[in-house]
C-alpha atoms as a PDB file:
ATOM      1  CA  MET A   1      17.835  15.527 -22.269  1.00  0.00           C
ATOM      2  CA  ALA A   2      17.710  12.432 -19.803  1.00  0.00           C
ATOM      3  CA  THR A   3      14.857  11.111 -21.579  1.00  0.00           C
ATOM      4  CA  ASN A   4      16.806  11.245 -24.823  1.00  0.00           C
ATOM      5  CA  LEU A   5      19.802   9.306 -22.647  1.00  0.00           C
ATOM      6  CA  VAL A   6      17.666   6.671 -21.831  1.00  0.00           C
ATOM      7  CA  SER A   7      15.733   6.404 -25.608  1.00  0.00           C
ATOM      8  CA  LEU A   8      19.544   6.230 -26.965  1.00  0.00           C
ATOM      9  CA  ILE A   9      20.822   3.459 -24.254  1.00  0.00           C
ATOM     10  CA  GLY A  10      17.424   1.708 -24.822  1.00  0.00           C
ATOM     11  CA  ARG A  11      18.079   1.612 -28.810  1.00  0.00           C
ATOM     12  CA  ALA A  12      21.624   0.301 -28.436  1.00  0.00           C
ATOM     13  CA  LEU A  13      20.768  -2.601 -25.806  1.00  0.00           C
ATOM     14  CA  LEU A  14      17.729  -3.669 -27.357  1.00  0.00           C
ATOM     15  CA  PRO A  15      17.510  -5.170 -30.371  1.00  0.00           C
ATOM     16  CA  LYS A  16      14.874  -3.423 -32.728  1.00  0.00           C
ATOM     17  CA  ARG A  17      11.921  -6.252 -31.932  1.00  0.00           C
ATOM     18  CA  ARG A  18      12.348  -6.078 -28.417  1.00  0.00           C
ATOM     19  CA  ARG A  19      12.354  -1.897 -28.512  1.00  0.00           C
ATOM     20  CA  GLY A  20       8.205  -2.021 -30.254  1.00  0.00           C
ATOM     21  CA  PHE A  21       7.293  -4.612 -27.677  1.00  0.00           C
ATOM     22  CA  ALA A  22       8.991  -2.410 -24.621  1.00  0.00           C
ATOM     23  CA  ARG A  23       6.891   0.841 -26.001  1.00  0.00           C
ATOM     24  CA  ASP A  24       3.579  -1.001 -26.344  1.00  0.00           C
ATOM     25  CA  GLU A  25       1.237  -0.090 -24.142  1.00  0.00           C
ATOM     26  CA  ARG A  26      -2.118  -2.222 -25.314  1.00  0.00           C
ATOM     27  CA  GLY A  27      -3.440  -4.539 -22.492  1.00  0.00           C
ATOM     28  CA  VAL A  28      -2.208  -2.470 -20.131  1.00  0.00           C
ATOM     29  CA  THR A  29      -5.740  -2.208 -18.251  1.00  0.00           C
ATOM     30  CA  ALA A  30      -6.359  -5.884 -18.431  1.00  0.00           C
ATOM     31  CA  VAL A  31      -3.044  -6.780 -16.626  1.00  0.00           C
ATOM     32  CA  GLU A  32      -3.440  -4.000 -14.109  1.00  0.00           C
ATOM     33  CA  PHE A  33      -7.072  -5.253 -14.081  1.00  0.00           C
ATOM     34  CA  GLY A  34      -5.938  -8.965 -13.354  1.00  0.00           C
ATOM     35  CA  LEU A  35      -3.567  -7.394 -10.663  1.00  0.00           C
ATOM     36  CA  LEU A  36      -6.327  -5.874  -8.471  1.00  0.00           C
ATOM     37  CA  ALA A  37      -9.439  -8.036  -9.172  1.00  0.00           C
ATOM     38  CA  VAL A  38      -8.395 -10.500  -6.626  1.00  0.00           C
ATOM     39  CA  PRO A  39      -7.943  -8.199  -3.574  1.00  0.00           C
ATOM     40  CA  PHE A  40     -11.039  -5.629  -4.737  1.00  0.00           C
ATOM     41  CA  PHE A  41     -13.399  -8.658  -4.786  1.00  0.00           C
ATOM     42  CA  SER A  42     -12.381 -10.274  -1.608  1.00  0.00           C
ATOM     43  CA  ILE A  43     -12.821  -6.851  -0.053  1.00  0.00           C
ATOM     44  CA  VAL A  44     -16.544  -6.418  -1.865  1.00  0.00           C
ATOM     45  CA  GLY A  45     -17.508  -9.916  -0.389  1.00  0.00           C
ATOM     46  CA  ALA A  46     -16.175  -9.356   3.403  1.00  0.00           C
ATOM     47  CA  ILE A  47     -18.285  -6.316   3.181  1.00  0.00           C
ATOM     48  CA  LEU A  48     -21.368  -7.818   1.758  1.00  0.00           C
ATOM     49  CA  GLU A  49     -20.902 -11.189   4.176  1.00  0.00           C
ATOM     50  CA  THR A  50     -20.490  -9.070   7.319  1.00  0.00           C
ATOM     51  CA  SER A  51     -23.333  -6.983   6.294  1.00  0.00           C
ATOM     52  CA  ILE A  52     -25.876 -10.384   6.079  1.00  0.00           C
ATOM     53  CA  VAL A  53     -24.539 -11.572   9.084  1.00  0.00           C
ATOM     54  CA  PHE A  54     -25.341  -8.190  11.089  1.00  0.00           C
ATOM     55  CA  LEU A  55     -28.411  -7.961   9.310  1.00  0.00           C
ATOM     56  CA  SER A  56     -29.515 -11.352  10.112  1.00  0.00           C
ATOM     57  CA  GLY A  57     -28.662 -11.087  13.532  1.00  0.00           C
ATOM     58  CA  GLN A  58     -30.789  -7.739  13.665  1.00  0.00           C
ATOM     59  CA  ILE A  59     -33.901  -9.714  12.062  1.00  0.00           C
ATOM     60  CA  LEU A  60     -33.237 -12.464  14.802  1.00  0.00           C
ATOM     61  CA  GLU A  61     -33.144  -9.916  17.488  1.00  0.00           C
ATOM     62  CA  SER A  62     -36.183  -8.474  16.336  1.00  0.00           C
ATOM     63  CA  ALA A  63     -38.258 -11.512  15.834  1.00  0.00           C
ATOM     64  CA  VAL A  64     -37.557 -12.894  19.074  1.00  0.00           C
ATOM     65  CA  HIS A  65     -38.565  -9.606  21.137  1.00  0.00           C
ATOM     66  CA  ASP A  66     -41.848  -9.622  18.880  1.00  0.00           C
ATOM     67  CA  VAL A  67     -42.230 -13.221  19.606  1.00  0.00           C
ATOM     68  CA  SER A  68     -41.368 -12.944  22.968  1.00  0.00           C
ATOM     69  CA  ARG A  69     -44.635 -10.339  23.600  1.00  0.00           C
ATOM     70  CA  LEU A  70     -47.167 -13.421  23.327  1.00  0.00           C
ATOM     71  CA  ILE A  71     -46.058 -14.791  26.493  1.00  0.00           C
ATOM     72  CA  ARG A  72     -45.478 -11.395  28.258  1.00  0.00           C
ATOM     73  CA  THR A  73     -49.026 -10.323  27.414  1.00  0.00           C
ATOM     74  CA  GLY A  74     -49.941 -14.298  28.609  1.00  0.00           C
ATOM     75  CA  GLN A  75     -51.322 -14.625  25.141  1.00  0.00           C
ATOM     76  CA  ALA A  76     -49.039 -17.653  24.516  1.00  0.00           C
ATOM     77  CA  GLN A  77     -49.982 -19.473  27.953  1.00  0.00           C
ATOM     78  CA  ALA A  78     -53.418 -19.019  26.847  1.00  0.00           C
ATOM     79  CA  ALA A  79     -53.096 -20.991  23.713  1.00  0.00           C
ATOM     80  CA  ASN A  80     -51.022 -23.500  24.950  1.00  0.00           C
ATOM     81  CA  VAL A  81     -48.013 -22.983  22.496  1.00  0.00           C
ATOM     82  CA  THR A  82     -45.588 -25.429  22.557  1.00  0.00           C
ATOM     83  CA  GLU A  83     -42.116 -25.051  21.978  1.00  0.00           C
ATOM     84  CA  ALA A  84     -42.274 -26.197  18.809  1.00  0.00           C
ATOM     85  CA  SER A  85     -44.809 -23.688  17.651  1.00  0.00           C
ATOM     86  CA  PHE A  86     -43.191 -20.950  19.958  1.00  0.00           C
ATOM     87  CA  LYS A  87     -39.664 -21.725  17.190  1.00  0.00           C
ATOM     88  CA  ALA A  88     -42.299 -21.633  14.136  1.00  0.00           C
ATOM     89  CA  THR A  89     -43.683 -18.472  15.223  1.00  0.00           C
ATOM     90  CA  ILE A  90     -39.897 -17.210  15.081  1.00  0.00           C
ATOM     91  CA  CYS A  91     -39.073 -19.062  12.185  1.00  0.00           C
ATOM     92  CA  GLY A  92     -42.108 -17.172  10.445  1.00  0.00           C
ATOM     93  CA  ARG A  93     -40.446 -13.706  11.457  1.00  0.00           C
ATOM     94  CA  LEU A  94     -37.238 -14.281   9.888  1.00  0.00           C
ATOM     95  CA  TYR A  95     -37.913 -13.574   6.015  1.00  0.00           C
ATOM     96  CA  GLY A  96     -36.544 -17.110   4.853  1.00  0.00           C
ATOM     97  CA  LEU A  97     -32.937 -15.936   5.666  1.00  0.00           C
ATOM     98  CA  PHE A  98     -32.090 -19.352   8.272  1.00  0.00           C
ATOM     99  CA  ALA A  99     -32.013 -21.953   6.546  1.00  0.00           C
ATOM    100  CA  ASP A 100     -33.888 -25.494   8.286  1.00  0.00           C
ATOM    101  CA  CYS A 101     -34.745 -22.701  10.572  1.00  0.00           C
ATOM    102  CA  GLU A 102     -36.995 -25.220  12.607  1.00  0.00           C
ATOM    103  CA  GLU A 103     -34.544 -27.862  12.912  1.00  0.00           C
ATOM    104  CA  GLU A 104     -31.167 -25.467  13.460  1.00  0.00           C
ATOM    105  CA  LEU A 105     -32.610 -23.262  15.748  1.00  0.00           C
ATOM    106  CA  PHE A 106     -32.294 -23.307  19.577  1.00  0.00           C
ATOM    107  CA  VAL A 107     -34.650 -22.035  21.547  1.00  0.00           C
ATOM    108  CA  GLU A 108     -34.825 -21.642  25.656  1.00  0.00           C
ATOM    109  CA  VAL A 109     -37.632 -19.974  27.687  1.00  0.00           C
ATOM    110  CA  GLN A 110     -37.010 -20.419  31.407  1.00  0.00           C
ATOM    111  CA  VAL A 111     -38.629 -18.442  34.735  1.00  0.00           C
ATOM    112  CA  LEU A 112     -36.366 -16.684  36.726  1.00  0.00           C
ATOM    113  CA  ASN A 113     -36.320 -16.097  40.466  1.00  0.00           C
ATOM    114  CA  ASN A 114     -35.155 -12.342  40.042  1.00  0.00           C
ATOM    115  CA  PHE A 115     -33.634 -10.255  37.546  1.00  0.00           C
ATOM    116  CA  ASN A 116     -30.127 -10.698  39.063  1.00  0.00           C
ATOM    117  CA  ALA A 117     -30.496 -14.564  38.134  1.00  0.00           C
ATOM    118  CA  THR A 118     -30.478 -13.821  34.326  1.00  0.00           C
ATOM    119  CA  SER A 119     -27.627 -15.411  33.365  1.00  0.00           C
ATOM    120  CA  ILE A 120     -27.235 -15.405  29.291  1.00  0.00           C
ATOM    121  CA  THR A 121     -24.669 -18.043  28.314  1.00  0.00           C
ATOM    122  CA  PRO A 122     -24.663 -19.643  24.763  1.00  0.00           C
ATOM    123  CA  PRO A 123     -25.270 -23.457  24.363  1.00  0.00           C
ATOM    124  CA  VAL A 124     -22.302 -23.966  22.861  1.00  0.00           C
ATOM    125  CA  ASP A 125     -18.715 -25.210  23.741  1.00  0.00           C
ATOM    126  CA  TRP A 126     -16.394 -22.969  22.683  1.00  0.00           C
ATOM    127  CA  THR A 127     -13.204 -25.105  22.822  1.00  0.00           C
ATOM    128  CA  ALA A 128     -14.338 -27.626  20.281  1.00  0.00           C
ATOM    129  CA  ASP A 129     -12.305 -28.286  17.494  1.00  0.00           C
ATOM    130  CA  GLU A 130     -15.064 -30.172  15.394  1.00  0.00           C
ATOM    131  CA  GLU A 131     -18.874 -29.063  15.252  1.00  0.00           C
ATOM    132  CA  GLU A 132     -21.051 -30.303  17.669  1.00  0.00           C
ATOM    133  CA  ASN A 133     -24.639 -30.418  18.650  1.00  0.00           C
ATOM    134  CA  TRP A 134     -25.963 -27.939  21.628  1.00  0.00           C
ATOM    135  CA  THR A 135     -24.741 -28.933  24.975  1.00  0.00           C
ATOM    136  CA  ARG A 136     -27.656 -27.938  26.405  1.00  0.00           C
ATOM    137  CA  THR A 137     -31.324 -29.503  25.923  1.00  0.00           C
ATOM    138  CA  PRO A 138     -34.231 -26.457  25.172  1.00  0.00           C
ATOM    139  CA  VAL A 139     -36.436 -25.911  27.403  1.00  0.00           C
ATOM    140  CA  TYR A 140     -39.615 -24.182  27.074  1.00  0.00           C
ATOM    141  CA  ALA A 141     -41.628 -22.637  30.271  1.00  0.00           C
ATOM    142  CA  PRO A 142     -43.301 -19.732  29.593  1.00  0.00           C
ATOM    143  CA  GLY A 143     -44.138 -19.050  33.338  1.00  0.00           C
ATOM    144  CA  GLN A 144     -47.298 -17.554  34.638  1.00  0.00           C
ATOM    145  CA  GLY A 145     -48.283 -13.790  35.627  1.00  0.00           C
ATOM    146  CA  SER A 146     -46.048 -11.600  36.693  1.00  0.00           C
ATOM    147  CA  ASN A 147     -43.249 -14.315  36.367  1.00  0.00           C
ATOM    148  CA  ILE A 148     -39.769 -12.909  35.459  1.00  0.00           C
ATOM    149  CA  VAL A 149     -38.834 -14.972  31.895  1.00  0.00           C
ATOM    150  CA  LEU A 150     -35.869 -14.923  30.402  1.00  0.00           C
ATOM    151  CA  VAL A 151     -35.822 -16.398  26.822  1.00  0.00           C
ATOM    152  CA  GLN A 152     -32.903 -17.078  24.307  1.00  0.00           C
ATOM    153  CA  VAL A 153     -32.175 -18.292  20.804  1.00  0.00           C
ATOM    154  CA  TYR A 154     -29.624 -19.252  19.160  1.00  0.00           C
ATOM    155  CA  TYR A 155     -28.296 -20.389  15.546  1.00  0.00           C
ATOM    156  CA  LYS A 156     -25.399 -21.409  13.820  1.00  0.00           C
ATOM    157  CA  TRP A 157     -25.083 -19.451  10.746  1.00  0.00           C
ATOM    158  CA  PRO A 158     -22.851 -20.649   8.104  1.00  0.00           C
ATOM    159  CA  VAL A 159     -19.823 -18.275   7.026  1.00  0.00           C
ATOM    160  CA  VAL A 160     -19.224 -18.286   3.405  1.00  0.00           C
ATOM    161  CA  LEU A 161     -16.201 -16.300   3.172  1.00  0.00           C
ATOM    162  CA  GLY A 162     -12.912 -17.259   5.326  1.00  0.00           C
ATOM    163  CA  LEU A 163      -9.334 -16.280   4.134  1.00  0.00           C
ATOM    164  CA  GLY A 164      -7.321 -18.035   6.469  1.00  0.00           C
ATOM    165  CA  ASP A 165      -7.586 -16.458   9.973  1.00  0.00           C
ATOM    166  CA  VAL A 166      -9.613 -13.626   8.768  1.00  0.00           C
ATOM    167  CA  SER A 167     -13.047 -15.034   8.706  1.00  0.00           C
ATOM    168  CA  MET A 168     -16.249 -14.195  10.558  1.00  0.00           C
ATOM    169  CA  ALA A 169     -16.336 -17.538  11.700  1.00  0.00           C
ATOM    170  CA  ASN A 170     -16.488 -18.444  15.685  1.00  0.00           C
ATOM    171  CA  LEU A 171     -17.373 -22.041  16.120  1.00  0.00           C
ATOM    172  CA  PRO A 172     -15.769 -24.657  14.285  1.00  0.00           C
ATOM    173  CA  GLY A 173     -17.289 -26.108  10.727  1.00  0.00           C
ATOM    174  CA  ASN A 174     -16.908 -22.256   9.408  1.00  0.00           C
ATOM    175  CA  LYS A 175     -19.965 -21.265  11.401  1.00  0.00           C
ATOM    176  CA  ARG A 176     -21.387 -17.575  13.698  1.00  0.00           C
ATOM    177  CA  LEU A 177     -23.345 -18.227  16.386  1.00  0.00           C
ATOM    178  CA  LEU A 178     -26.008 -15.644  16.598  1.00  0.00           C
ATOM    179  CA  GLY A 179     -28.055 -15.169  19.230  1.00  0.00           C
ATOM    180  CA  ALA A 180     -30.715 -12.796  20.968  1.00  0.00           C
ATOM    181  CA  ALA A 181     -32.317 -12.850  24.525  1.00  0.00           C
ATOM    182  CA  ALA A 182     -35.052 -11.141  26.199  1.00  0.00           C
ATOM    183  CA  VAL A 183     -35.555 -10.818  29.978  1.00  0.00           C
ATOM    184  CA  PHE A 184     -38.957  -9.248  31.002  1.00  0.00           C
ATOM    185  CA  ARG A 185     -41.493  -9.904  33.928  1.00  0.00           C
ATOM    186  CA  ASN A 186     -44.943 -11.024  32.305  1.00  0.00           C
ATOM    187  CA  GLU A 187     -48.039  -9.032  32.751  1.00  0.00           C
ATOM    188  CA  PRO A 188     -50.064  -9.965  35.821  1.00  0.00           C
ATOM    189  CA  PHE A 189     -52.789 -11.810  33.451  1.00  0.00           C
ATOM    190  CA  SER A 190     -54.663 -14.924  35.180  1.00  0.00           C
END
């Protein structure tokens, strides 16, 4: 009975032409899709970007540990590997995910006195308002047999999606710092 009353009031108040428009449900799906498309694709984009950033971080971590083994076993020292070739070896294991890898990658290899002296600090200024270069100069000192070595590698990953304060960027210029480190004692090679 309530629906009959509503339809009677609707017929009485609306002209005949508008009554047909009010009941017309064609295009409802398109309107609903239009309303939900932006949030849906934003969420899908955020999921994809998060996945790519974490995948890239894991690939960087694996590459650093694999290539650091060359130092640990003395192969890098025996072959007189330079900083540039060490960086190129790391970049060769990154599957092309890192654009301008050899120019943008920060590599620091240094000998430590003991494991307690390990200090892993990113070479960036977290308080900077605009994008700048690295705050330290790269060092490449792979050490000798039985030395304790710290290998640090950093890359400024460009973040594509950023919705105001909701972004994966933690550096100016809409970039995220990816880093990997390995601390080990070289094998007792001669």
